[in-house]
């Protein structure tokens, strides 16, 4: 006799809320051969499904053991249980437990891949044998109950298992379909053992080769299957591995489209923000150099000498400035060619300054001396001045307009001659007409209305103006310019500094960068100060971006992980179906991990392929309101791109895999519980 199963004193009990033990199965002992149709019969709640779960290895008995080919099923390790479910048994469920989003053929292909069955001919043959060939491309959700159960039966028999377990296979079927399924199971039982759980006494009487009547979990009535001559089948050869993962992966991607779209957008957004931040930092660095060179007075430096004086009986140190010696300037700036040095004329613009165009006053206008304009009364204005002009005079263009500049300043001259008063008050009165030739398109950050004029022309103009009060008191003819040149180093008239102009943009930029290393001299360049201020602000903004990026990436990865884990939780029954077919846990986890890796790859590719167009769009908006043509300049660095991509995918892998691996161990029989 070929004994396939042997039950020895099987009992199963559960603890109750009041601390007692509820006995479901009580001391069952019997054996089953390798062929025939055996029924487990009884009313609902008597323990039929519990006994079937113990047979299948999904539940452990409280006492006793179930031997399959002499091996204790309840002591199978994970590998042995997986092999048992995959190669030795097939299962038919009352509620079918098919994957409803798949077609009939796809459900069977999935089972065949898990169980390692080669060739589509086998599936085609079974579909025809069980009269469901015409349903192969129809989603199982659209099938009738009888059709679904036949698909379920084909799935269970697809690898010719040694045992088929059927839990209430006719429970959801009408009489006609019930007979079809039972006849099919009866036919199968001629080649292997079929164990059927049923409460339908009529079916049991008609189809059984043997049965167990469970009354309150006790073996009240038992009929064994007649002796079989054949020996029990030997262990099956290991089947050829066929991965079911690609099929499940494709279905999951479609099934979870909404969640996957959110995950994709999250990854795409994070990478785009990261690349834009890198591009912003790079663009600011490159643009600030160009911004500096766009100023008309980029080559103008105000240079003064720094003096430190210690206050008696105090730790305080006073900082004073005065005009440096020309020798010091030339010595410290010897590496720069064609240096042009002028006395600082700021004093003349420091008290009363009236600016008129067509007798309309313009407030807040600054006059900036330069040496890179023709020596004439032609001036350049910046965009901020042009806007002020439009606002005040309601005209579009200020080109060719005349600016009337009126300067007035009082100066107390220390008379060292023996003629006249010791202190002479000199009133500087200057009227200069200028004509606007060009509007300079400068960087608008911290900008204000400016008029650029030739310092040589201004010097020539004030050289033609005599200091009248000094002449009246001393008889000495001194022009405004001569008085300026004779001013003491610490005189307010001399503005405590010189104006130095360099010949080239490169020299000007180099001096701006090197000015802190020149001891004893204080060197100021207004354009560089503005640009540096913007660069510092941008750097702070970039650092804020970096902080935001880390939060964004962290949130994206967490969101991807959460969405993946939520899909896994919501699809636990799907995972349980795969497990009962013989799929390994790590393979099931890999489906969900690869799903998000696939989303990650798409997100990475989409990010890098569209960032060029996103950058162009952002730069166009920035250019509309600022001077920047390419503020976002993403550096081309394939190694960096590859590193970002691999890091992103690695983080997705870790944070998706970790919750799955650490999740509570699944109890398959509970997830497959009939609904």
Foldseek 3Di string as FASTA:
>chain_A
DAWFKWWFQFWAWDADPVGDIQTQAGGDTDTAHLFFEEEAAEDPSNCLVVVVCLVLLLDPTPDTFMAGVHHGSVPDDQVRSLCCLAAAFFEQEQVLLFDQVAFLQLSLVLLCQLNQPDDPVLVCVLCVVLVNNVRRRPGPNPDDLLSSRSSSVCSGCSNPHSEYEYEASCVPDDPVSVVSNLVVVLVSRVRGYYYYYDHDVVSCVPRGQWYAYRDSNYRPDTGYHDDDPDHHDDDDDRHDHGASLVVLLVVVCVVLVVLLVVLLVLLLVLVLLVLQLLLLLVLLVVVLLVQLVLDQASQKKWKWFWDWDDDPPDPDIDIDTWADDPVLVCVLLVVFPDKDKAQDQVQQVPDDKFKDFPNFTQPPEAEAADAPDDLDLEKEKEPQQQVSCCVRVVDNDQAFTKMKIWTWDWDWDQDPDPWFDRTWIFIDIDIDIHGYHYYRYHWPQVDHIYMYDHPNNVLVRQQPAWRVRCCVGPVDTGTLNNVLVPDGRRDVSSVNTMMMGGDDSVSSVVCVVCVVVSPRMDMDDVSSVRSVVVSVVSVVVSVVSVVVSVVSLVVSLLSLQVSLVVVCVVCVSVVLVSVSSSDRLVSVLVSSLVSSLVSLVVSLVVNVVCSVVVQCVVLVVVVVPTVDNRSRGRDDDVVVSVVVSVVSSVSNNCSNSVCSVPPDDDSSCVSNPDD
